[in-house]
Amino acid sequence: MTGLEMAPLRRRLRDCGYTVRPFHYRSLWRSPAENARHLARFVDGLDADVVHFVAHSLGGLVLLHLFEQAPLQRPGRVLMLGTPLLGSAAARHVANWPLLRRLLLGRSLERGLLGGAPGWQGARELGMVAGTRGGLGMGTLFGAPLGPPHDGTVGVQETRAMWVGEHLSVPHGHFGMLYSQPVAEAACRFLRGGTFDGRG
């Protein structure tokens, strides 16, 4: 991924009044823990009193490593979209083919997509958006055993953990949720008040 797939969501978050700073990382050549160290330096350079994090898929695992390495971050909330918190069945399936493993997954497997990522260390609210509209994704494309419901790449059950405070299922695929206006509106509500329904 180049980061361009997040552009519609970034634009809608800006429309909500947020200043958005994208962080790009090398998922094939660096492990989630290494990318977290780069993210820590990036965040240290931001001029802001409050820093929210919005991460899609593997990016959420990078955040888990960030808060393990540097838990004392500035105030803010964390929102993940389609992140397989305890490992990905699709990644485990694809990893059985050495060529696909190198081309599609690389070092993202290390304490990441195969499991082993740290649990949540942050003292802040964490929300998760999970897609339920199968469709085309890495899981369905390669015949991974995704239990329903899923977004084509990540099963809804893979996005659940006891430390996720707010969980929202949406009728979108793994990437479709990034282009959805209702998902963006839910993201804005969560960042603003810590809930998806605006009651916070």
N, C-alpha and C. Protein backbone atom coordinates (compact mmCIF):
# COMPACT_ATOMS: atom_id res chain seq x y z
N MET A 1 0.83 -1.19 0.00
CA MET A 1 0.00 0.00 0.00
C MET A 1 0.88 1.25 0.00
N THR A 2 0.42 2.26 -0.71
CA THR A 2 1.20 3.50 -0.86
C THR A 2 0.75 4.60 0.09
N GLY A 3 -0.40 4.43 0.72
CA GLY A 3 -0.97 5.51 1.52
C GLY A 3 -2.05 6.27 0.78
N LEU A 4 -2.08 6.14 -0.56
CA LEU A 4 -3.11 6.83 -1.34
C LEU A 4 -4.50 6.30 -1.03
N GLU A 5 -4.56 5.00 -0.62
CA GLU A 5 -5.86 4.41 -0.33
C GLU A 5 -6.54 5.09 0.87
N MET A 6 -5.75 5.79 1.69
CA MET A 6 -6.31 6.48 2.85
C MET A 6 -6.74 7.91 2.53
N ALA A 7 -6.49 8.37 1.30
CA ALA A 7 -6.75 9.77 0.95
C ALA A 7 -8.20 10.20 1.17
N PRO A 8 -9.20 9.42 0.76
CA PRO A 8 -10.58 9.86 0.99
C PRO A 8 -10.91 10.03 2.48
N LEU A 9 -10.43 9.10 3.30
CA LEU A 9 -10.68 9.21 4.73
C LEU A 9 -9.94 10.42 5.32
N ARG A 10 -8.72 10.65 4.87
CA ARG A 10 -7.98 11.83 5.35
C ARG A 10 -8.75 13.10 5.03
N ARG A 11 -9.26 13.18 3.80
CA ARG A 11 -9.99 14.39 3.40
C ARG A 11 -11.23 14.59 4.26
N ARG A 12 -11.94 13.52 4.55
CA ARG A 12 -13.16 13.65 5.35
C ARG A 12 -12.84 13.99 6.81
N LEU A 13 -11.72 13.50 7.32
CA LEU A 13 -11.32 13.88 8.68
C LEU A 13 -10.94 15.35 8.72
N ARG A 14 -10.32 15.84 7.66
CA ARG A 14 -10.03 17.28 7.59
C ARG A 14 -11.33 18.07 7.58
N ASP A 15 -12.33 17.56 6.85
CA ASP A 15 -13.63 18.24 6.81
C ASP A 15 -14.26 18.31 8.19
N CYS A 16 -13.90 17.35 9.07
CA CYS A 16 -14.40 17.36 10.45
C CYS A 16 -13.64 18.34 11.33
N GLY A 17 -12.60 18.94 10.80
CA GLY A 17 -11.86 19.93 11.56
C GLY A 17 -10.51 19.47 12.07
N TYR A 18 -10.08 18.25 11.67
CA TYR A 18 -8.80 17.73 12.16
C TYR A 18 -7.67 18.06 11.19
N THR A 19 -6.51 18.33 11.75
CA THR A 19 -5.29 18.42 10.96
C THR A 19 -4.74 17.01 10.82
N VAL A 20 -4.53 16.57 9.59
CA VAL A 20 -4.15 15.18 9.33
C VAL A 20 -2.72 15.11 8.81
N ARG A 21 -1.94 14.26 9.43
CA ARG A 21 -0.55 14.06 9.01
C ARG A 21 -0.36 12.57 8.70
N PRO A 22 -0.24 12.21 7.42
CA PRO A 22 -0.08 10.78 7.07
C PRO A 22 1.31 10.27 7.40
N PHE A 23 1.37 9.03 7.85
CA PHE A 23 2.64 8.35 8.10
C PHE A 23 2.71 7.14 7.18
N HIS A 24 3.73 7.10 6.35
CA HIS A 24 3.93 5.97 5.44
C HIS A 24 5.03 5.08 5.99
N TYR A 25 4.89 3.78 5.80
CA TYR A 25 5.89 2.84 6.32
C TYR A 25 6.07 1.68 5.36
N ARG A 26 7.18 0.99 5.50
CA ARG A 26 7.53 -0.12 4.61
C ARG A 26 7.13 -1.44 5.27
N SER A 27 6.02 -1.97 4.83
CA SER A 27 5.51 -3.19 5.48
C SER A 27 6.27 -4.43 5.05
N LEU A 28 6.86 -4.42 3.87
CA LEU A 28 7.57 -5.61 3.39
C LEU A 28 8.99 -5.68 3.93
N TRP A 29 9.61 -4.54 4.12
CA TRP A 29 11.03 -4.50 4.46
C TRP A 29 11.30 -4.25 5.93
N ARG A 30 10.29 -3.82 6.68
CA ARG A 30 10.47 -3.59 8.10
C ARG A 30 9.38 -4.33 8.86
N SER A 31 9.72 -4.82 10.03
CA SER A 31 8.73 -5.46 10.89
C SER A 31 7.82 -4.39 11.50
N PRO A 32 6.65 -4.77 12.02
CA PRO A 32 5.80 -3.79 12.70
C PRO A 32 6.53 -3.07 13.84
N ALA A 33 7.38 -3.78 14.57
CA ALA A 33 8.13 -3.15 15.66
C ALA A 33 9.08 -2.09 15.13
N GLU A 34 9.75 -2.38 14.02
CA GLU A 34 10.66 -1.40 13.43
C GLU A 34 9.89 -0.20 12.89
N ASN A 35 8.77 -0.45 12.25
CA ASN A 35 7.95 0.66 11.77
C ASN A 35 7.43 1.51 12.93
N ALA A 36 7.18 0.88 14.07
CA ALA A 36 6.73 1.63 15.24
C ALA A 36 7.81 2.58 15.73
N ARG A 37 9.06 2.17 15.64
CA ARG A 37 10.14 3.07 16.04
C ARG A 37 10.22 4.28 15.12
N HIS A 38 10.00 4.08 13.84
CA HIS A 38 9.95 5.20 12.90
C HIS A 38 8.74 6.09 13.20
N LEU A 39 7.62 5.46 13.52
CA LEU A 39 6.42 6.23 13.86
C LEU A 39 6.65 7.08 15.10
N ALA A 40 7.35 6.53 16.08
CA ALA A 40 7.62 7.29 17.31
C ALA A 40 8.38 8.57 17.00
N ARG A 41 9.37 8.48 16.12
CA ARG A 41 10.14 9.67 15.74
C ARG A 41 9.25 10.66 14.98
N PHE A 42 8.37 10.12 14.12
CA PHE A 42 7.45 10.98 13.37
C PHE A 42 6.53 11.74 14.32
N VAL A 43 5.97 11.04 15.29
CA VAL A 43 5.04 11.66 16.23
C VAL A 43 5.75 12.68 17.11
N ASP A 44 6.98 12.38 17.49
CA ASP A 44 7.75 13.32 18.31
C ASP A 44 7.93 14.66 17.60
N GLY A 45 7.90 14.64 16.27
CA GLY A 45 8.10 15.87 15.51
C GLY A 45 6.83 16.67 15.26
N LEU A 46 5.70 16.17 15.72
CA LEU A 46 4.43 16.88 15.50
C LEU A 46 4.25 17.99 16.52
N ASP A 47 3.79 19.14 16.06
CA ASP A 47 3.52 20.27 16.93
C ASP A 47 2.03 20.26 17.29
N ALA A 48 1.68 19.51 18.33
CA ALA A 48 0.27 19.37 18.72
C ALA A 48 0.19 18.94 20.17
N ASP A 49 -0.81 19.43 20.87
CA ASP A 49 -1.03 19.02 22.26
C ASP A 49 -1.81 17.72 22.35
N VAL A 50 -2.66 17.46 21.34
CA VAL A 50 -3.46 16.24 21.29
C VAL A 50 -3.16 15.54 19.97
N VAL A 51 -2.89 14.25 20.04
CA VAL A 51 -2.59 13.46 18.84
C VAL A 51 -3.48 12.23 18.83
N HIS A 52 -4.39 12.17 17.87
CA HIS A 52 -5.20 10.97 17.65
C HIS A 52 -4.50 10.10 16.60
N PHE A 53 -4.74 8.81 16.66
CA PHE A 53 -4.20 7.88 15.67
C PHE A 53 -5.35 7.18 14.96
N VAL A 54 -5.30 7.13 13.63
CA VAL A 54 -6.26 6.37 12.83
C VAL A 54 -5.44 5.44 11.94
N ALA A 55 -5.65 4.14 12.07
CA ALA A 55 -4.83 3.16 11.37
C ALA A 55 -5.70 2.11 10.71
N HIS A 56 -5.31 1.70 9.52
CA HIS A 56 -6.02 0.67 8.78
C HIS A 56 -5.20 -0.61 8.75
N SER A 57 -5.84 -1.73 9.04
CA SER A 57 -5.27 -3.06 8.87
C SER A 57 -3.96 -3.22 9.64
N LEU A 58 -2.85 -3.51 8.93
CA LEU A 58 -1.55 -3.70 9.57
C LEU A 58 -1.14 -2.49 10.39
N GLY A 59 -1.58 -1.30 9.98
CA GLY A 59 -1.23 -0.09 10.71
C GLY A 59 -1.64 -0.15 12.17
N GLY A 60 -2.73 -0.84 12.46
CA GLY A 60 -3.14 -0.98 13.86
C GLY A 60 -2.15 -1.80 14.66
N LEU A 61 -1.54 -2.80 14.03
CA LEU A 61 -0.52 -3.61 14.71
C LEU A 61 0.74 -2.78 14.96
N VAL A 62 1.06 -1.90 14.03
CA VAL A 62 2.18 -0.98 14.25
C VAL A 62 1.89 -0.11 15.48
N LEU A 63 0.64 0.33 15.64
CA LEU A 63 0.29 1.14 16.80
C LEU A 63 0.44 0.35 18.10
N LEU A 64 0.09 -0.92 18.09
CA LEU A 64 0.27 -1.73 19.30
C LEU A 64 1.74 -1.76 19.70
N HIS A 65 2.62 -1.87 18.72
CA HIS A 65 4.05 -1.85 19.02
C HIS A 65 4.49 -0.47 19.49
N LEU A 66 3.94 0.57 18.89
CA LEU A 66 4.30 1.93 19.32
C LEU A 66 4.01 2.12 20.80
N PHE A 67 2.82 1.73 21.24
CA PHE A 67 2.45 1.96 22.63
C PHE A 67 3.13 0.99 23.58
N GLU A 68 3.64 -0.13 23.06
CA GLU A 68 4.49 -0.97 23.89
C GLU A 68 5.85 -0.31 24.09
N GLN A 69 6.39 0.27 23.02
CA GLN A 69 7.71 0.89 23.08
C GLN A 69 7.69 2.24 23.77
N ALA A 70 6.65 3.01 23.53
CA ALA A 70 6.59 4.39 24.05
C ALA A 70 5.16 4.69 24.51
N PRO A 71 4.76 4.13 25.64
CA PRO A 71 3.37 4.29 26.08
C PRO A 71 2.99 5.71 26.49
N LEU A 72 3.95 6.53 26.81
CA LEU A 72 3.65 7.89 27.27
C LEU A 72 3.54 8.84 26.09
N GLN A 73 2.42 8.73 25.40
CA GLN A 73 2.14 9.60 24.27
C GLN A 73 1.24 10.75 24.71
N ARG A 74 1.15 11.77 23.87
CA ARG A 74 0.25 12.88 24.17
C ARG A 74 -1.20 12.40 24.16
N PRO A 75 -2.10 13.14 24.82
CA PRO A 75 -3.50 12.71 24.89
C PRO A 75 -4.10 12.56 23.49
N GLY A 76 -5.11 11.70 23.41
CA GLY A 76 -5.79 11.48 22.14
C GLY A 76 -6.48 10.13 22.15
N ARG A 77 -7.09 9.78 21.05
CA ARG A 77 -7.78 8.50 20.91
C ARG A 77 -7.16 7.71 19.78
N VAL A 78 -7.42 6.40 19.77
CA VAL A 78 -6.90 5.51 18.75
C VAL A 78 -8.06 4.82 18.06
N LEU A 79 -8.08 4.90 16.74
CA LEU A 79 -9.11 4.23 15.94
C LEU A 79 -8.43 3.31 14.95
N MET A 80 -8.84 2.06 14.96
CA MET A 80 -8.33 1.07 14.01
C MET A 80 -9.45 0.62 13.10
N LEU A 81 -9.11 0.32 11.86
CA LEU A 81 -10.08 -0.15 10.88
C LEU A 81 -9.57 -1.47 10.30
N GLY A 82 -10.30 -2.54 10.53
CA GLY A 82 -9.95 -3.83 9.94
C GLY A 82 -8.60 -4.37 10.37
N THR A 83 -8.23 -4.19 11.63
CA THR A 83 -6.94 -4.67 12.13
C THR A 83 -7.10 -6.05 12.77
N PRO A 84 -6.36 -7.05 12.28
CA PRO A 84 -6.42 -8.39 12.89
C PRO A 84 -5.56 -8.41 14.15
N LEU A 85 -6.14 -8.12 15.26
CA LEU A 85 -5.39 -7.87 16.50
C LEU A 85 -4.59 -9.07 16.98
N LEU A 86 -5.12 -10.25 16.78
CA LEU A 86 -4.47 -11.45 17.31
C LEU A 86 -3.91 -12.34 16.20
N GLY A 87 -3.72 -11.76 15.02
CA GLY A 87 -3.21 -12.52 13.90
C GLY A 87 -4.25 -12.69 12.81
N SER A 88 -3.80 -12.96 11.61
CA SER A 88 -4.66 -13.02 10.44
C SER A 88 -4.68 -14.41 9.82
N ALA A 89 -5.87 -14.98 9.70
CA ALA A 89 -6.01 -16.28 9.03
C ALA A 89 -5.60 -16.18 7.57
N ALA A 90 -5.92 -15.07 6.93
CA ALA A 90 -5.54 -14.88 5.53
C ALA A 90 -4.03 -14.86 5.38
N ALA A 91 -3.34 -14.15 6.28
CA ALA A 91 -1.87 -14.10 6.21
C ALA A 91 -1.27 -15.47 6.47
N ARG A 92 -1.81 -16.20 7.44
CA ARG A 92 -1.29 -17.55 7.70
C ARG A 92 -1.45 -18.44 6.48
N HIS A 93 -2.57 -18.28 5.79
CA HIS A 93 -2.84 -19.09 4.60
C HIS A 93 -1.86 -18.73 3.48
N VAL A 94 -1.71 -17.45 3.19
CA VAL A 94 -0.84 -17.01 2.10
C VAL A 94 0.62 -17.31 2.41
N ALA A 95 0.99 -17.27 3.69
CA ALA A 95 2.38 -17.52 4.08
C ALA A 95 2.84 -18.94 3.75
N ASN A 96 1.91 -19.83 3.42
CA ASN A 96 2.28 -21.19 3.04
C ASN A 96 2.96 -21.26 1.68
N TRP A 97 2.81 -20.20 0.87
CA TRP A 97 3.46 -20.13 -0.44
C TRP A 97 4.66 -19.20 -0.34
N PRO A 98 5.88 -19.72 -0.41
CA PRO A 98 7.08 -18.89 -0.19
C PRO A 98 7.15 -17.63 -1.06
N LEU A 99 6.79 -17.74 -2.33
CA LEU A 99 6.88 -16.57 -3.21
C LEU A 99 5.86 -15.51 -2.79
N LEU A 100 4.62 -15.93 -2.56
CA LEU A 100 3.60 -14.98 -2.12
C LEU A 100 3.96 -14.39 -0.76
N ARG A 101 4.54 -15.22 0.09
CA ARG A 101 4.95 -14.75 1.41
C ARG A 101 5.92 -13.56 1.28
N ARG A 102 6.89 -13.69 0.36
CA ARG A 102 7.87 -12.61 0.18
C ARG A 102 7.24 -11.40 -0.51
N LEU A 103 6.42 -11.65 -1.53
CA LEU A 103 5.89 -10.55 -2.34
C LEU A 103 4.79 -9.76 -1.63
N LEU A 104 3.96 -10.45 -0.85
CA LEU A 104 2.78 -9.81 -0.27
C LEU A 104 2.90 -9.50 1.21
N LEU A 105 3.71 -10.27 1.92
CA LEU A 105 3.71 -10.16 3.37
C LEU A 105 5.05 -9.69 3.95
N GLY A 106 6.14 -10.20 3.41
CA GLY A 106 7.45 -9.77 3.87
C GLY A 106 7.60 -9.86 5.38
N ARG A 107 8.13 -8.82 5.98
CA ARG A 107 8.43 -8.82 7.40
C ARG A 107 7.22 -8.40 8.26
N SER A 108 6.10 -8.15 7.61
CA SER A 108 4.89 -7.81 8.37
C SER A 108 4.42 -8.98 9.23
N LEU A 109 4.95 -10.18 8.98
CA LEU A 109 4.57 -11.36 9.74
C LEU A 109 5.19 -11.39 11.14
N GLU A 110 6.30 -10.68 11.32
CA GLU A 110 7.06 -10.75 12.57
C GLU A 110 6.32 -10.02 13.70
N ARG A 111 5.82 -10.78 14.66
CA ARG A 111 5.00 -10.22 15.75
C ARG A 111 3.94 -9.29 15.17
N GLY A 112 3.29 -9.78 14.12
CA GLY A 112 2.30 -8.97 13.44
C GLY A 112 1.17 -9.80 12.89
N LEU A 113 1.20 -10.04 11.59
CA LEU A 113 0.07 -10.71 10.93
C LEU A 113 -0.04 -12.19 11.29
N LEU A 114 1.03 -12.79 11.78
CA LEU A 114 0.92 -14.18 12.23
C LEU A 114 0.60 -14.28 13.72
N GLY A 115 0.39 -13.15 14.36
CA GLY A 115 0.13 -13.12 15.79
C GLY A 115 1.37 -12.68 16.54
N GLY A 116 1.23 -12.55 17.84
CA GLY A 116 2.37 -12.17 18.66
C GLY A 116 2.55 -10.68 18.84
N ALA A 117 1.65 -9.88 18.28
CA ALA A 117 1.73 -8.43 18.52
C ALA A 117 1.42 -8.16 19.99
N PRO A 118 1.97 -7.09 20.54
CA PRO A 118 1.70 -6.81 21.96
C PRO A 118 0.23 -6.49 22.20
N GLY A 119 -0.23 -6.72 23.41
CA GLY A 119 -1.57 -6.27 23.78
C GLY A 119 -1.57 -4.76 23.93
N TRP A 120 -2.73 -4.22 24.13
CA TRP A 120 -2.87 -2.77 24.21
C TRP A 120 -2.25 -2.23 25.49
N GLN A 121 -1.32 -1.27 25.32
CA GLN A 121 -0.61 -0.68 26.45
C GLN A 121 -1.01 0.77 26.69
N GLY A 122 -1.85 1.31 25.83
CA GLY A 122 -2.16 2.73 25.92
C GLY A 122 -3.25 3.03 26.93
N ALA A 123 -3.07 4.11 27.67
CA ALA A 123 -4.10 4.55 28.62
C ALA A 123 -5.02 5.55 27.93
N ARG A 124 -5.69 5.10 26.91
CA ARG A 124 -6.59 5.97 26.15
C ARG A 124 -7.65 5.11 25.49
N GLU A 125 -8.70 5.77 24.99
CA GLU A 125 -9.81 5.04 24.37
C GLU A 125 -9.38 4.49 23.01
N LEU A 126 -9.80 3.24 22.76
CA LEU A 126 -9.48 2.58 21.50
C LEU A 126 -10.76 2.06 20.87
N GLY A 127 -10.96 2.39 19.61
CA GLY A 127 -12.13 1.92 18.87
C GLY A 127 -11.72 1.12 17.65
N MET A 128 -12.62 0.26 17.19
CA MET A 128 -12.35 -0.60 16.04
C MET A 128 -13.56 -0.59 15.10
N VAL A 129 -13.29 -0.46 13.82
CA VAL A 129 -14.30 -0.61 12.77
C VAL A 129 -13.98 -1.88 12.00
N ALA A 130 -14.96 -2.76 11.84
CA ALA A 130 -14.75 -4.03 11.14
C ALA A 130 -15.76 -4.16 10.00
N GLY A 131 -15.28 -4.62 8.85
CA GLY A 131 -16.16 -4.79 7.70
C GLY A 131 -16.79 -6.17 7.66
N THR A 132 -18.03 -6.22 7.16
CA THR A 132 -18.76 -7.49 7.11
C THR A 132 -19.14 -7.91 5.68
N ARG A 133 -18.80 -7.11 4.69
CA ARG A 133 -19.19 -7.42 3.32
C ARG A 133 -18.04 -8.08 2.60
N GLY A 134 -17.90 -9.38 2.75
CA GLY A 134 -16.86 -10.19 2.11
C GLY A 134 -16.18 -9.55 0.92
N GLY A 135 -16.67 -9.81 -0.27
CA GLY A 135 -16.09 -9.23 -1.46
C GLY A 135 -14.67 -9.71 -1.71
N LEU A 136 -13.98 -9.00 -2.60
CA LEU A 136 -12.63 -9.38 -3.00
C LEU A 136 -11.62 -8.85 -1.99
N GLY A 137 -10.76 -9.71 -1.52
CA GLY A 137 -9.70 -9.33 -0.60
C GLY A 137 -8.65 -10.42 -0.61
N MET A 138 -7.59 -10.22 0.14
CA MET A 138 -6.51 -11.21 0.15
C MET A 138 -7.02 -12.56 0.61
N GLY A 139 -7.95 -12.56 1.55
CA GLY A 139 -8.47 -13.82 2.05
C GLY A 139 -9.29 -14.57 1.02
N THR A 140 -10.26 -13.89 0.42
CA THR A 140 -11.12 -14.54 -0.56
C THR A 140 -10.37 -14.83 -1.86
N LEU A 141 -9.42 -13.97 -2.23
CA LEU A 141 -8.67 -14.17 -3.47
C LEU A 141 -7.85 -15.45 -3.44
N PHE A 142 -7.28 -15.77 -2.27
CA PHE A 142 -6.42 -16.94 -2.16
C PHE A 142 -7.08 -18.10 -1.40
N GLY A 143 -8.36 -18.00 -1.18
CA GLY A 143 -9.09 -19.11 -0.58
C GLY A 143 -8.79 -19.35 0.88
N ALA A 144 -8.49 -18.30 1.63
CA ALA A 144 -8.20 -18.45 3.05
C ALA A 144 -9.48 -18.81 3.82
N PRO A 145 -9.35 -19.57 4.88
CA PRO A 145 -10.52 -19.99 5.66
C PRO A 145 -11.00 -18.88 6.60
N LEU A 146 -11.66 -17.90 6.02
CA LEU A 146 -12.20 -16.79 6.82
C LEU A 146 -13.58 -17.17 7.32
N GLY A 147 -13.75 -17.17 8.62
CA GLY A 147 -15.08 -17.43 9.17
C GLY A 147 -15.96 -16.20 9.03
N PRO A 148 -17.21 -16.37 8.62
CA PRO A 148 -18.10 -15.21 8.49
C PRO A 148 -18.49 -14.67 9.87
N PRO A 149 -18.77 -13.36 9.92
CA PRO A 149 -18.62 -12.38 8.83
C PRO A 149 -17.17 -11.92 8.69
N HIS A 150 -16.84 -11.41 7.49
CA HIS A 150 -15.49 -10.92 7.23
C HIS A 150 -15.56 -9.85 6.15
N ASP A 151 -14.44 -9.19 5.94
CA ASP A 151 -14.40 -8.10 4.95
C ASP A 151 -13.66 -8.49 3.68
N GLY A 152 -13.42 -9.79 3.51
CA GLY A 152 -12.66 -10.27 2.37
C GLY A 152 -11.20 -10.51 2.70
N THR A 153 -10.72 -9.88 3.75
CA THR A 153 -9.33 -10.03 4.18
C THR A 153 -9.23 -10.38 5.65
N VAL A 154 -10.05 -9.75 6.47
CA VAL A 154 -10.00 -9.91 7.93
C VAL A 154 -11.38 -10.30 8.45
N GLY A 155 -11.42 -11.32 9.28
CA GLY A 155 -12.67 -11.71 9.91
C GLY A 155 -13.02 -10.77 11.05
N VAL A 156 -14.31 -10.52 11.25
CA VAL A 156 -14.73 -9.63 12.33
C VAL A 156 -14.18 -10.12 13.66
N GLN A 157 -14.18 -11.43 13.89
CA GLN A 157 -13.69 -11.96 15.15
C GLN A 157 -12.22 -11.63 15.37
N GLU A 158 -11.47 -11.48 14.28
CA GLU A 158 -10.05 -11.15 14.39
C GLU A 158 -9.82 -9.71 14.84
N THR A 159 -10.86 -8.90 14.77
CA THR A 159 -10.73 -7.49 15.18
C THR A 159 -11.14 -7.27 16.63
N ARG A 160 -11.51 -8.34 17.31
CA ARG A 160 -12.02 -8.19 18.68
C ARG A 160 -10.95 -8.57 19.71
N ALA A 161 -10.90 -7.80 20.76
CA ALA A 161 -10.06 -8.09 21.92
C ALA A 161 -10.72 -7.42 23.11
N MET A 162 -10.45 -7.93 24.29
CA MET A 162 -11.14 -7.43 25.47
C MET A 162 -10.81 -5.97 25.74
N TRP A 163 -9.70 -5.49 25.21
CA TRP A 163 -9.32 -4.11 25.47
C TRP A 163 -9.82 -3.13 24.40
N VAL A 164 -10.60 -3.59 23.44
CA VAL A 164 -11.23 -2.68 22.48
C VAL A 164 -12.49 -2.12 23.13
N GLY A 165 -12.50 -0.82 23.38
CA GLY A 165 -13.61 -0.22 24.10
C GLY A 165 -14.86 -0.05 23.27
N GLU A 166 -14.70 0.34 22.00
CA GLU A 166 -15.83 0.56 21.10
C GLU A 166 -15.60 -0.24 19.82
N HIS A 167 -16.61 -1.01 19.41
CA HIS A 167 -16.49 -1.84 18.21
C HIS A 167 -17.69 -1.57 17.31
N LEU A 168 -17.42 -1.33 16.03
CA LEU A 168 -18.48 -1.03 15.07
C LEU A 168 -18.31 -1.92 13.85
N SER A 169 -19.35 -2.68 13.49
CA SER A 169 -19.36 -3.47 12.27
C SER A 169 -20.07 -2.68 11.17
N VAL A 170 -19.48 -2.68 9.98
CA VAL A 170 -20.03 -1.90 8.86
C VAL A 170 -20.13 -2.79 7.63
N PRO A 171 -21.12 -2.54 6.75
CA PRO A 171 -21.31 -3.40 5.57
C PRO A 171 -20.37 -3.02 4.43
N HIS A 172 -19.08 -3.17 4.67
CA HIS A 172 -18.07 -2.81 3.66
C HIS A 172 -16.96 -3.84 3.64
N GLY A 173 -16.20 -3.85 2.54
CA GLY A 173 -15.03 -4.69 2.44
C GLY A 173 -13.83 -4.03 3.10
N HIS A 174 -12.70 -4.71 3.02
CA HIS A 174 -11.50 -4.29 3.74
C HIS A 174 -11.04 -2.89 3.31
N PHE A 175 -11.10 -2.61 2.04
CA PHE A 175 -10.72 -1.28 1.56
C PHE A 175 -11.92 -0.39 1.34
N GLY A 176 -13.08 -0.98 1.11
CA GLY A 176 -14.28 -0.18 0.90
C GLY A 176 -14.61 0.73 2.06
N MET A 177 -14.28 0.27 3.29
CA MET A 177 -14.59 1.11 4.45
C MET A 177 -13.83 2.43 4.42
N LEU A 178 -12.68 2.47 3.73
CA LEU A 178 -11.90 3.69 3.66
C LEU A 178 -12.55 4.74 2.77
N TYR A 179 -13.48 4.32 1.93
CA TYR A 179 -14.12 5.22 0.98
C TYR A 179 -15.55 5.58 1.39
N SER A 180 -15.96 5.08 2.53
CA SER A 180 -17.35 5.24 2.97
C SER A 180 -17.55 6.52 3.77
N GLN A 181 -18.50 7.33 3.35
CA GLN A 181 -18.84 8.54 4.09
C GLN A 181 -19.37 8.21 5.49
N PRO A 182 -20.30 7.23 5.64
CA PRO A 182 -20.76 6.89 6.99
C PRO A 182 -19.64 6.41 7.92
N VAL A 183 -18.66 5.67 7.39
CA VAL A 183 -17.54 5.24 8.22
C VAL A 183 -16.72 6.45 8.66
N ALA A 184 -16.50 7.37 7.74
CA ALA A 184 -15.76 8.59 8.10
C ALA A 184 -16.50 9.38 9.17
N GLU A 185 -17.82 9.45 9.05
CA GLU A 185 -18.60 10.18 10.05
C GLU A 185 -18.51 9.49 11.41
N ALA A 186 -18.54 8.16 11.40
CA ALA A 186 -18.39 7.41 12.66
C ALA A 186 -17.00 7.64 13.25
N ALA A 187 -15.99 7.70 12.39
CA ALA A 187 -14.63 7.97 12.85
C ALA A 187 -14.55 9.34 13.52
N CYS A 188 -15.18 10.34 12.92
CA CYS A 188 -15.18 11.68 13.50
C CYS A 188 -15.88 11.69 14.86
N ARG A 189 -16.99 10.96 14.96
CA ARG A 189 -17.70 10.90 16.24
C ARG A 189 -16.82 10.24 17.31
N PHE A 190 -16.13 9.20 16.93
CA PHE A 190 -15.28 8.52 17.91
C PHE A 190 -14.13 9.42 18.35
N LEU A 191 -13.47 10.06 17.41
CA LEU A 191 -12.35 10.92 17.78
C LEU A 191 -12.81 12.09 18.64
N ARG A 192 -14.02 12.54 18.38
CA ARG A 192 -14.55 13.70 19.12
C ARG A 192 -15.00 13.31 20.53
N GLY A 193 -15.70 12.16 20.65
CA GLY A 193 -16.31 11.84 21.93
C GLY A 193 -16.03 10.48 22.52
N GLY A 194 -15.27 9.65 21.79
CA GLY A 194 -14.92 8.34 22.32
C GLY A 194 -15.97 7.27 22.08
N THR A 195 -17.02 7.57 21.31
CA THR A 195 -18.04 6.57 20.97
C THR A 195 -18.41 6.72 19.49
N PHE A 196 -18.99 5.68 18.92
CA PHE A 196 -19.43 5.75 17.54
C PHE A 196 -20.81 6.35 17.37
N ASP A 197 -21.60 6.36 18.46
CA ASP A 197 -22.96 6.84 18.33
C ASP A 197 -23.14 8.28 18.78
N GLY A 198 -22.03 8.92 19.13
CA GLY A 198 -22.10 10.34 19.48
C GLY A 198 -22.58 10.65 20.87
N ARG A 199 -22.73 9.63 21.72
CA ARG A 199 -23.27 9.89 23.05
C ARG A 199 -22.19 10.39 24.03
N GLY A 200 -20.90 10.32 23.62
CA GLY A 200 -19.81 10.69 24.51
C GLY A 200 -19.68 12.19 24.69
